[in-house]
Amino acid sequence: MDDDIRQHLDARQYREAFELLLERYQAKVFRLACGLLRNESAAEDMTQDVFLRIWKALPGYHGGASLSTWIYTIARNACFTELKRRRPTLSLDEPDLGEILEKEPELHVTPESEGAEMDVEIMLAELPEKYRRVITLFYLEQKSYEEVGAMLGIPMGTVKTFLHRAKKELLKIGARSEKVLQPV
């Protein structure tokens, strides 16, 4: 699939290779970033950052992994770094902890959304991060078990286990949400 890009890379035609990469992978990297960061604006910024990293790293790509795996690994690592950077740390001894927690946004059901299907993003947000990553790559990015395993650095059996557990968790989340949305 990416033979034309590899030909440009072999010929050291990095601009041409990059233009093809951008055309083929920009939307996919954006969806991956959106799934991991759960914020469209942040995902747009991250997509630009990822392709800047790819541009800088392109001369060093030697074909050890497929192009898609290499690109997704860069994108995944950049997103994880951003998530770690954003993660606030609070001490349980924090005197204003109760006040801080009260300011956290809660799930509100608006009249127009009552009875509507649960938003997938909200359900994914409730999953543990390791399950959310696997679900995002496998179902939303349509990667194979092998590709997901390679991208996350986990064995294929673990990918299947995480998918199974994630689906069970999503069913529980959906069931809880239905109870919340039912009229009294």
N, C-alpha and C. Protein backbone atom coordinates (compact mmCIF):
# COMPACT_ATOMS: atom_id res chain seq x y z
N MET A 1 0.82 -1.19 0.00
CA MET A 1 0.00 0.00 0.00
C MET A 1 0.86 1.26 0.00
N ASP A 2 1.92 1.25 0.77
CA ASP A 2 2.77 2.43 0.88
C ASP A 2 4.04 2.29 0.05
N ASP A 3 4.00 1.46 -0.97
CA ASP A 3 5.19 1.24 -1.79
C ASP A 3 5.67 2.53 -2.45
N ASP A 4 4.74 3.37 -2.88
CA ASP A 4 5.14 4.64 -3.52
C ASP A 4 5.85 5.55 -2.52
N ILE A 5 5.41 5.54 -1.27
CA ILE A 5 6.08 6.35 -0.25
C ILE A 5 7.48 5.82 0.00
N ARG A 6 7.59 4.50 0.09
CA ARG A 6 8.90 3.88 0.32
C ARG A 6 9.87 4.18 -0.83
N GLN A 7 9.35 4.21 -2.06
CA GLN A 7 10.20 4.54 -3.20
C GLN A 7 10.76 5.96 -3.08
N HIS A 8 9.89 6.88 -2.66
CA HIS A 8 10.35 8.26 -2.46
C HIS A 8 11.38 8.32 -1.33
N LEU A 9 11.17 7.56 -0.27
CA LEU A 9 12.12 7.56 0.84
C LEU A 9 13.47 6.97 0.41
N ASP A 10 13.41 5.88 -0.35
CA ASP A 10 14.65 5.26 -0.84
C ASP A 10 15.43 6.23 -1.73
N ALA A 11 14.69 7.06 -2.48
CA ALA A 11 15.32 8.04 -3.37
C ALA A 11 15.64 9.34 -2.64
N ARG A 12 15.42 9.37 -1.35
CA ARG A 12 15.65 10.54 -0.50
C ARG A 12 14.81 11.74 -0.95
N GLN A 13 13.63 11.45 -1.45
CA GLN A 13 12.69 12.49 -1.85
C GLN A 13 11.69 12.66 -0.70
N TYR A 14 12.18 13.30 0.36
CA TYR A 14 11.41 13.37 1.60
C TYR A 14 10.16 14.24 1.47
N ARG A 15 10.25 15.31 0.72
CA ARG A 15 9.07 16.18 0.56
C ARG A 15 7.93 15.41 -0.10
N GLU A 16 8.23 14.69 -1.17
CA GLU A 16 7.19 13.92 -1.87
C GLU A 16 6.63 12.81 -0.98
N ALA A 17 7.51 12.14 -0.27
CA ALA A 17 7.08 11.08 0.65
C ALA A 17 6.18 11.67 1.74
N PHE A 18 6.59 12.80 2.28
CA PHE A 18 5.82 13.42 3.36
C PHE A 18 4.44 13.86 2.87
N GLU A 19 4.37 14.41 1.68
CA GLU A 19 3.08 14.84 1.14
C GLU A 19 2.12 13.67 1.01
N LEU A 20 2.64 12.52 0.57
CA LEU A 20 1.80 11.32 0.47
C LEU A 20 1.39 10.82 1.85
N LEU A 21 2.33 10.84 2.79
CA LEU A 21 2.02 10.43 4.17
C LEU A 21 0.93 11.31 4.76
N LEU A 22 1.07 12.59 4.58
CA LEU A 22 0.10 13.54 5.11
C LEU A 22 -1.29 13.27 4.54
N GLU A 23 -1.34 13.08 3.23
CA GLU A 23 -2.61 12.82 2.55
C GLU A 23 -3.27 11.55 3.07
N ARG A 24 -2.51 10.48 3.28
CA ARG A 24 -3.06 9.19 3.67
C ARG A 24 -3.34 9.03 5.16
N TYR A 25 -2.54 9.70 5.98
CA TYR A 25 -2.60 9.41 7.41
C TYR A 25 -3.10 10.55 8.29
N GLN A 26 -3.30 11.73 7.73
CA GLN A 26 -3.69 12.86 8.56
C GLN A 26 -5.02 12.61 9.27
N ALA A 27 -6.02 12.16 8.56
CA ALA A 27 -7.33 11.92 9.18
C ALA A 27 -7.25 10.79 10.20
N LYS A 28 -6.46 9.77 9.91
CA LYS A 28 -6.33 8.64 10.84
C LYS A 28 -5.62 9.06 12.12
N VAL A 29 -4.57 9.86 11.99
CA VAL A 29 -3.86 10.34 13.17
C VAL A 29 -4.78 11.24 13.99
N PHE A 30 -5.56 12.07 13.31
CA PHE A 30 -6.51 12.94 14.01
C PHE A 30 -7.51 12.11 14.81
N ARG A 31 -8.07 11.06 14.20
CA ARG A 31 -9.05 10.22 14.91
C ARG A 31 -8.41 9.53 16.11
N LEU A 32 -7.17 9.08 15.94
CA LEU A 32 -6.46 8.45 17.05
C LEU A 32 -6.26 9.46 18.18
N ALA A 33 -5.80 10.66 17.83
CA ALA A 33 -5.58 11.70 18.84
C ALA A 33 -6.90 12.08 19.52
N CYS A 34 -7.94 12.17 18.74
CA CYS A 34 -9.26 12.51 19.28
C CYS A 34 -9.71 11.43 20.27
N GLY A 35 -9.51 10.19 19.91
CA GLY A 35 -9.90 9.09 20.80
C GLY A 35 -9.10 9.07 22.09
N LEU A 36 -7.83 9.40 22.02
CA LEU A 36 -6.99 9.36 23.21
C LEU A 36 -7.10 10.64 24.04
N LEU A 37 -7.16 11.78 23.39
CA LEU A 37 -7.19 13.05 24.12
C LEU A 37 -8.60 13.49 24.48
N ARG A 38 -9.59 12.98 23.73
CA ARG A 38 -11.00 13.28 23.95
C ARG A 38 -11.30 14.78 23.89
N ASN A 39 -10.64 15.44 22.93
CA ASN A 39 -10.86 16.87 22.75
C ASN A 39 -10.44 17.19 21.32
N GLU A 40 -11.40 17.66 20.52
CA GLU A 40 -11.12 17.90 19.10
C GLU A 40 -10.05 18.95 18.87
N SER A 41 -10.12 20.03 19.61
CA SER A 41 -9.14 21.10 19.44
C SER A 41 -7.73 20.61 19.79
N ALA A 42 -7.62 19.89 20.90
CA ALA A 42 -6.32 19.34 21.30
C ALA A 42 -5.84 18.31 20.28
N ALA A 43 -6.79 17.55 19.71
CA ALA A 43 -6.43 16.54 18.71
C ALA A 43 -5.91 17.20 17.43
N GLU A 44 -6.50 18.34 17.05
CA GLU A 44 -6.01 19.07 15.87
C GLU A 44 -4.58 19.55 16.10
N ASP A 45 -4.34 20.12 17.28
CA ASP A 45 -2.98 20.58 17.60
C ASP A 45 -2.01 19.42 17.63
N MET A 46 -2.45 18.31 18.22
CA MET A 46 -1.58 17.14 18.34
C MET A 46 -1.27 16.57 16.95
N THR A 47 -2.25 16.57 16.06
CA THR A 47 -2.04 16.06 14.70
C THR A 47 -0.95 16.87 14.01
N GLN A 48 -1.01 18.18 14.15
CA GLN A 48 0.03 19.02 13.55
C GLN A 48 1.39 18.72 14.17
N ASP A 49 1.41 18.57 15.49
CA ASP A 49 2.66 18.27 16.19
C ASP A 49 3.22 16.92 15.74
N VAL A 50 2.35 15.93 15.60
CA VAL A 50 2.78 14.59 15.18
C VAL A 50 3.41 14.65 13.78
N PHE A 51 2.77 15.37 12.86
CA PHE A 51 3.33 15.42 11.51
C PHE A 51 4.61 16.25 11.45
N LEU A 52 4.76 17.18 12.33
CA LEU A 52 6.04 17.89 12.43
C LEU A 52 7.13 16.91 12.90
N ARG A 53 6.79 16.09 13.88
CA ARG A 53 7.73 15.07 14.35
C ARG A 53 8.06 14.07 13.25
N ILE A 54 7.05 13.69 12.49
CA ILE A 54 7.27 12.74 11.39
C ILE A 54 8.20 13.36 10.35
N TRP A 55 7.95 14.63 10.02
CA TRP A 55 8.79 15.32 9.03
C TRP A 55 10.26 15.31 9.47
N LYS A 56 10.46 15.62 10.76
CA LYS A 56 11.83 15.67 11.27
C LYS A 56 12.47 14.28 11.33
N ALA A 57 11.66 13.25 11.57
CA ALA A 57 12.19 11.89 11.73
C ALA A 57 12.24 11.12 10.41
N LEU A 58 11.63 11.63 9.38
CA LEU A 58 11.53 10.91 8.11
C LEU A 58 12.87 10.42 7.55
N PRO A 59 13.92 11.21 7.57
CA PRO A 59 15.19 10.70 7.04
C PRO A 59 15.75 9.53 7.87
N GLY A 60 15.31 9.39 9.11
CA GLY A 60 15.80 8.30 9.95
C GLY A 60 14.96 7.04 9.86
N TYR A 61 13.86 7.09 9.12
CA TYR A 61 13.01 5.89 8.99
C TYR A 61 13.71 4.89 8.07
N HIS A 62 13.92 3.68 8.59
CA HIS A 62 14.63 2.66 7.82
C HIS A 62 13.80 1.41 7.55
N GLY A 63 12.52 1.48 7.78
CA GLY A 63 11.65 0.37 7.40
C GLY A 63 11.61 -0.79 8.37
N GLY A 64 12.03 -0.60 9.62
CA GLY A 64 11.98 -1.68 10.60
C GLY A 64 10.55 -2.10 10.91
N ALA A 65 9.64 -1.16 10.85
CA ALA A 65 8.21 -1.41 11.05
C ALA A 65 7.48 -0.84 9.84
N SER A 66 6.25 -1.26 9.66
CA SER A 66 5.48 -0.70 8.54
C SER A 66 5.31 0.80 8.80
N LEU A 67 5.09 1.55 7.73
CA LEU A 67 4.90 2.99 7.87
C LEU A 67 3.74 3.32 8.80
N SER A 68 2.63 2.60 8.65
CA SER A 68 1.48 2.91 9.49
C SER A 68 1.79 2.66 10.96
N THR A 69 2.48 1.59 11.27
CA THR A 69 2.85 1.31 12.66
C THR A 69 3.78 2.38 13.18
N TRP A 70 4.75 2.79 12.38
CA TRP A 70 5.70 3.83 12.76
C TRP A 70 4.97 5.14 13.05
N ILE A 71 4.05 5.51 12.16
CA ILE A 71 3.29 6.76 12.31
C ILE A 71 2.40 6.70 13.54
N TYR A 72 1.69 5.59 13.72
CA TYR A 72 0.80 5.46 14.87
C TYR A 72 1.58 5.42 16.18
N THR A 73 2.77 4.86 16.17
CA THR A 73 3.59 4.83 17.37
C THR A 73 4.01 6.25 17.76
N ILE A 74 4.41 7.04 16.78
CA ILE A 74 4.75 8.44 17.05
C ILE A 74 3.53 9.17 17.60
N ALA A 75 2.39 8.98 16.96
CA ALA A 75 1.16 9.66 17.38
C ALA A 75 0.75 9.22 18.79
N ARG A 76 0.76 7.94 19.02
CA ARG A 76 0.38 7.40 20.33
C ARG A 76 1.30 7.94 21.42
N ASN A 77 2.59 7.90 21.20
CA ASN A 77 3.53 8.38 22.20
C ASN A 77 3.36 9.87 22.47
N ALA A 78 3.12 10.63 21.44
CA ALA A 78 2.90 12.07 21.61
C ALA A 78 1.63 12.33 22.43
N CYS A 79 0.58 11.58 22.16
CA CYS A 79 -0.66 11.73 22.91
C CYS A 79 -0.47 11.33 24.37
N PHE A 80 0.21 10.23 24.61
CA PHE A 80 0.44 9.79 25.99
C PHE A 80 1.28 10.80 26.75
N THR A 81 2.27 11.38 26.09
CA THR A 81 3.09 12.40 26.73
C THR A 81 2.22 13.60 27.10
N GLU A 82 1.34 14.00 26.19
CA GLU A 82 0.43 15.11 26.46
C GLU A 82 -0.50 14.79 27.61
N LEU A 83 -1.03 13.58 27.65
CA LEU A 83 -1.93 13.19 28.74
C LEU A 83 -1.20 13.21 30.08
N LYS A 84 0.03 12.75 30.11
CA LYS A 84 0.81 12.77 31.35
C LYS A 84 1.08 14.21 31.78
N ARG A 85 1.36 15.07 30.81
CA ARG A 85 1.65 16.47 31.11
C ARG A 85 0.43 17.16 31.70
N ARG A 86 -0.75 16.81 31.21
CA ARG A 86 -2.00 17.44 31.63
C ARG A 86 -2.50 16.94 32.97
N ARG A 87 -2.17 15.71 33.32
CA ARG A 87 -2.76 15.07 34.49
C ARG A 87 -2.45 15.85 35.76
N PRO A 88 -3.49 16.38 36.39
CA PRO A 88 -3.25 17.12 37.63
C PRO A 88 -2.98 16.15 38.78
N THR A 89 -2.20 16.58 39.71
CA THR A 89 -1.94 15.77 40.90
C THR A 89 -2.49 16.50 42.10
N LEU A 90 -3.24 15.79 42.89
CA LEU A 90 -3.82 16.34 44.09
C LEU A 90 -3.43 15.48 45.27
N SER A 91 -3.17 16.12 46.36
CA SER A 91 -2.91 15.41 47.59
C SER A 91 -4.23 15.23 48.32
N LEU A 92 -4.40 14.09 48.97
CA LEU A 92 -5.61 13.88 49.76
C LEU A 92 -5.61 14.79 50.98
N ASP A 93 -4.45 15.34 51.31
CA ASP A 93 -4.34 16.27 52.43
C ASP A 93 -4.64 17.71 52.00
N GLU A 94 -4.92 17.91 50.72
CA GLU A 94 -5.23 19.24 50.19
C GLU A 94 -6.41 19.82 50.96
N PRO A 95 -6.23 21.01 51.56
CA PRO A 95 -7.32 21.58 52.37
C PRO A 95 -8.58 21.89 51.55
N ASP A 96 -8.42 22.22 50.28
CA ASP A 96 -9.58 22.58 49.44
C ASP A 96 -10.00 21.43 48.53
N LEU A 97 -9.69 20.19 48.89
CA LEU A 97 -9.98 19.05 48.02
C LEU A 97 -11.46 18.94 47.71
N GLY A 98 -12.32 19.06 48.69
CA GLY A 98 -13.77 18.97 48.46
C GLY A 98 -14.26 20.01 47.49
N GLU A 99 -13.76 21.23 47.65
CA GLU A 99 -14.15 22.32 46.76
C GLU A 99 -13.67 22.08 45.33
N ILE A 100 -12.45 21.56 45.20
CA ILE A 100 -11.89 21.27 43.88
C ILE A 100 -12.72 20.20 43.18
N LEU A 101 -13.06 19.14 43.92
CA LEU A 101 -13.84 18.04 43.33
C LEU A 101 -15.24 18.48 42.94
N GLU A 102 -15.81 19.41 43.70
CA GLU A 102 -17.15 19.91 43.36
C GLU A 102 -17.16 20.65 42.03
N LYS A 103 -16.03 21.24 41.65
CA LYS A 103 -15.94 22.00 40.41
C LYS A 103 -15.75 21.11 39.19
N GLU A 104 -15.48 19.81 39.40
CA GLU A 104 -15.30 18.89 38.28
C GLU A 104 -16.59 18.79 37.48
N PRO A 105 -16.51 18.83 36.15
CA PRO A 105 -17.73 18.73 35.34
C PRO A 105 -18.39 17.37 35.52
N GLU A 106 -19.70 17.41 35.57
CA GLU A 106 -20.47 16.17 35.72
C GLU A 106 -21.25 15.92 34.44
N LEU A 107 -21.73 14.71 34.30
CA LEU A 107 -22.55 14.35 33.15
C LEU A 107 -23.95 14.91 33.37
N HIS A 108 -24.37 15.80 32.48
CA HIS A 108 -25.70 16.38 32.58
C HIS A 108 -26.50 15.93 31.37
N VAL A 109 -27.74 15.56 31.60
CA VAL A 109 -28.62 15.16 30.51
C VAL A 109 -29.48 16.35 30.16
N THR A 110 -29.39 16.79 28.92
CA THR A 110 -30.20 17.91 28.48
C THR A 110 -31.53 17.37 27.96
N PRO A 111 -32.58 18.18 27.98
CA PRO A 111 -33.88 17.69 27.52
C PRO A 111 -33.83 17.12 26.11
N GLU A 112 -33.04 17.77 25.22
CA GLU A 112 -33.00 17.27 23.84
C GLU A 112 -32.25 15.95 23.72
N SER A 113 -31.43 15.60 24.73
CA SER A 113 -30.69 14.35 24.63
C SER A 113 -31.36 13.22 25.40
N GLU A 114 -32.44 13.51 26.11
CA GLU A 114 -33.12 12.45 26.85
C GLU A 114 -33.64 11.42 25.88
N GLY A 115 -33.42 10.18 26.20
CA GLY A 115 -33.87 9.10 25.36
C GLY A 115 -32.95 8.82 24.19
N ALA A 116 -31.97 9.66 23.97
CA ALA A 116 -31.03 9.44 22.87
C ALA A 116 -30.03 8.37 23.29
N GLU A 117 -29.40 7.77 22.30
CA GLU A 117 -28.38 6.78 22.62
C GLU A 117 -27.23 7.44 23.34
N MET A 118 -26.56 6.67 24.19
CA MET A 118 -25.42 7.22 24.93
C MET A 118 -24.32 7.63 23.97
N ASP A 119 -23.70 8.71 24.27
CA ASP A 119 -22.58 9.19 23.47
C ASP A 119 -21.39 8.25 23.67
N VAL A 120 -20.83 7.80 22.58
CA VAL A 120 -19.71 6.86 22.63
C VAL A 120 -18.52 7.46 23.36
N GLU A 121 -18.26 8.74 23.14
CA GLU A 121 -17.13 9.38 23.80
C GLU A 121 -17.29 9.36 25.31
N ILE A 122 -18.51 9.58 25.79
CA ILE A 122 -18.76 9.57 27.23
C ILE A 122 -18.53 8.17 27.78
N MET A 123 -19.00 7.17 27.05
CA MET A 123 -18.81 5.80 27.51
C MET A 123 -17.32 5.43 27.50
N LEU A 124 -16.61 5.80 26.44
CA LEU A 124 -15.18 5.50 26.38
C LEU A 124 -14.42 6.20 27.49
N ALA A 125 -14.85 7.39 27.84
CA ALA A 125 -14.17 8.15 28.90
C ALA A 125 -14.23 7.43 30.23
N GLU A 126 -15.24 6.59 30.42
CA GLU A 126 -15.39 5.88 31.68
C GLU A 126 -14.54 4.60 31.74
N LEU A 127 -14.00 4.20 30.61
CA LEU A 127 -13.16 3.00 30.59
C LEU A 127 -11.78 3.29 31.15
N PRO A 128 -11.15 2.29 31.75
CA PRO A 128 -9.74 2.46 32.11
C PRO A 128 -8.93 2.75 30.83
N GLU A 129 -7.88 3.53 30.98
CA GLU A 129 -7.12 3.99 29.81
C GLU A 129 -6.62 2.85 28.94
N LYS A 130 -6.14 1.75 29.55
CA LYS A 130 -5.61 0.64 28.75
C LYS A 130 -6.69 0.02 27.86
N TYR A 131 -7.93 -0.04 28.35
CA TYR A 131 -9.02 -0.58 27.54
C TYR A 131 -9.43 0.42 26.46
N ARG A 132 -9.47 1.69 26.83
CA ARG A 132 -9.87 2.73 25.87
C ARG A 132 -8.92 2.76 24.68
N ARG A 133 -7.62 2.61 24.95
CA ARG A 133 -6.63 2.62 23.87
C ARG A 133 -6.89 1.49 22.88
N VAL A 134 -7.12 0.28 23.42
CA VAL A 134 -7.32 -0.89 22.57
C VAL A 134 -8.62 -0.76 21.78
N ILE A 135 -9.69 -0.33 22.43
CA ILE A 135 -10.98 -0.15 21.75
C ILE A 135 -10.84 0.89 20.64
N THR A 136 -10.18 1.99 20.94
CA THR A 136 -10.02 3.07 19.96
C THR A 136 -9.27 2.57 18.73
N LEU A 137 -8.16 1.89 18.96
CA LEU A 137 -7.37 1.42 17.82
C LEU A 137 -8.09 0.33 17.03
N PHE A 138 -8.69 -0.63 17.74
CA PHE A 138 -9.28 -1.78 17.05
C PHE A 138 -10.58 -1.40 16.34
N TYR A 139 -11.48 -0.73 17.03
CA TYR A 139 -12.79 -0.45 16.44
C TYR A 139 -12.84 0.88 15.70
N LEU A 140 -12.30 1.93 16.28
CA LEU A 140 -12.41 3.24 15.64
C LEU A 140 -11.37 3.43 14.53
N GLU A 141 -10.16 2.89 14.75
CA GLU A 141 -9.12 3.01 13.74
C GLU A 141 -9.03 1.77 12.85
N GLN A 142 -9.81 0.75 13.17
CA GLN A 142 -9.90 -0.49 12.40
C GLN A 142 -8.54 -1.15 12.17
N LYS A 143 -7.77 -1.22 13.25
CA LYS A 143 -6.48 -1.91 13.20
C LYS A 143 -6.69 -3.39 13.54
N SER A 144 -5.80 -4.23 13.04
CA SER A 144 -5.87 -5.65 13.34
C SER A 144 -5.33 -5.90 14.75
N TYR A 145 -5.55 -7.11 15.28
CA TYR A 145 -5.01 -7.46 16.60
C TYR A 145 -3.50 -7.25 16.61
N GLU A 146 -2.85 -7.71 15.55
CA GLU A 146 -1.39 -7.61 15.47
C GLU A 146 -0.94 -6.16 15.47
N GLU A 147 -1.63 -5.31 14.69
CA GLU A 147 -1.26 -3.90 14.62
C GLU A 147 -1.47 -3.21 15.97
N VAL A 148 -2.58 -3.51 16.63
CA VAL A 148 -2.84 -2.92 17.95
C VAL A 148 -1.75 -3.34 18.93
N GLY A 149 -1.41 -4.62 18.91
CA GLY A 149 -0.37 -5.11 19.79
C GLY A 149 0.97 -4.43 19.54
N ALA A 150 1.31 -4.28 18.27
CA ALA A 150 2.58 -3.64 17.91
C ALA A 150 2.58 -2.17 18.32
N MET A 151 1.46 -1.51 18.11
CA MET A 151 1.38 -0.08 18.42
C MET A 151 1.42 0.19 19.92
N LEU A 152 0.84 -0.72 20.71
CA LEU A 152 0.80 -0.52 22.15
C LEU A 152 1.91 -1.27 22.88
N GLY A 153 2.64 -2.10 22.14
CA GLY A 153 3.73 -2.84 22.75
C GLY A 153 3.25 -3.94 23.69
N ILE A 154 2.13 -4.57 23.32
CA ILE A 154 1.58 -5.66 24.13
C ILE A 154 1.33 -6.88 23.24
N PRO A 155 1.33 -8.08 23.84
CA PRO A 155 1.09 -9.29 23.03
C PRO A 155 -0.34 -9.33 22.47
N MET A 156 -0.52 -10.06 21.37
CA MET A 156 -1.82 -10.16 20.73
C MET A 156 -2.86 -10.74 21.68
N GLY A 157 -2.48 -11.71 22.50
CA GLY A 157 -3.41 -12.29 23.47
C GLY A 157 -3.92 -11.25 24.45
N THR A 158 -3.06 -10.34 24.85
CA THR A 158 -3.45 -9.27 25.76
C THR A 158 -4.42 -8.31 25.06
N VAL A 159 -4.19 -8.06 23.79
CA VAL A 159 -5.11 -7.21 23.01
C VAL A 159 -6.50 -7.83 23.05
N LYS A 160 -6.60 -9.13 22.78
CA LYS A 160 -7.90 -9.80 22.77
C LYS A 160 -8.55 -9.77 24.16
N THR A 161 -7.74 -9.98 25.18
CA THR A 161 -8.26 -9.94 26.56
C THR A 161 -8.78 -8.55 26.89
N PHE A 162 -8.00 -7.52 26.57
CA PHE A 162 -8.42 -6.15 26.85
C PHE A 162 -9.70 -5.80 26.08
N LEU A 163 -9.81 -6.25 24.83
CA LEU A 163 -11.02 -5.99 24.05
C LEU A 163 -12.23 -6.65 24.71
N HIS A 164 -12.07 -7.88 25.14
CA HIS A 164 -13.17 -8.61 25.79
C HIS A 164 -13.59 -7.89 27.07
N ARG A 165 -12.61 -7.54 27.89
CA ARG A 165 -12.93 -6.86 29.15
C ARG A 165 -13.53 -5.47 28.90
N ALA A 166 -13.02 -4.78 27.90
CA ALA A 166 -13.55 -3.45 27.58
C ALA A 166 -15.00 -3.54 27.15
N LYS A 167 -15.34 -4.55 26.34
CA LYS A 167 -16.73 -4.71 25.90
C LYS A 167 -17.64 -4.99 27.09
N LYS A 168 -17.17 -5.81 28.02
CA LYS A 168 -17.96 -6.09 29.23
C LYS A 168 -18.17 -4.81 30.04
N GLU A 169 -17.12 -4.00 30.16
CA GLU A 169 -17.22 -2.74 30.89
C GLU A 169 -18.19 -1.78 30.20
N LEU A 170 -18.13 -1.74 28.87
CA LEU A 170 -19.03 -0.85 28.13
C LEU A 170 -20.49 -1.26 28.33
N LEU A 171 -20.74 -2.56 28.39
CA LEU A 171 -22.10 -3.04 28.66
C LEU A 171 -22.57 -2.60 30.04
N LYS A 172 -21.68 -2.68 31.03
CA LYS A 172 -22.02 -2.24 32.39
C LYS A 172 -22.30 -0.73 32.41
N ILE A 173 -21.45 0.02 31.71
CA ILE A 173 -21.61 1.48 31.66
C ILE A 173 -22.94 1.82 30.99
N GLY A 174 -23.25 1.13 29.90
CA GLY A 174 -24.51 1.35 29.20
C GLY A 174 -25.71 1.02 30.07
N ALA A 175 -25.61 -0.06 30.82
CA ALA A 175 -26.71 -0.47 31.70
C ALA A 175 -26.92 0.56 32.82
N ARG A 176 -25.81 1.06 33.39
CA ARG A 176 -25.91 2.08 34.45
C ARG A 176 -26.54 3.35 33.89
N SER A 177 -26.15 3.71 32.68
CA SER A 177 -26.65 4.93 32.07
C SER A 177 -28.14 4.83 31.77
N GLU A 178 -28.59 3.66 31.34
CA GLU A 178 -30.01 3.48 31.06
C GLU A 178 -30.83 3.68 32.33
N LYS A 179 -30.32 3.20 33.45
CA LYS A 179 -31.03 3.36 34.72
C LYS A 179 -31.12 4.83 35.10
N VAL A 180 -30.05 5.58 34.85
CA VAL A 180 -30.01 7.01 35.18
C VAL A 180 -30.99 7.77 34.31
N LEU A 181 -31.10 7.39 33.04
CA LEU A 181 -31.93 8.14 32.09
C LEU A 181 -33.40 7.76 32.15
N GLN A 182 -33.76 6.67 32.85
CA GLN A 182 -35.16 6.26 32.91
C GLN A 182 -35.97 7.24 33.74
N PRO A 183 -37.18 7.56 33.28
CA PRO A 183 -38.02 8.49 34.05
C PRO A 183 -38.44 7.86 35.37
N VAL A 184 -38.64 8.72 36.35
CA VAL A 184 -38.98 8.24 37.68
C VAL A 184 -40.48 8.07 37.80
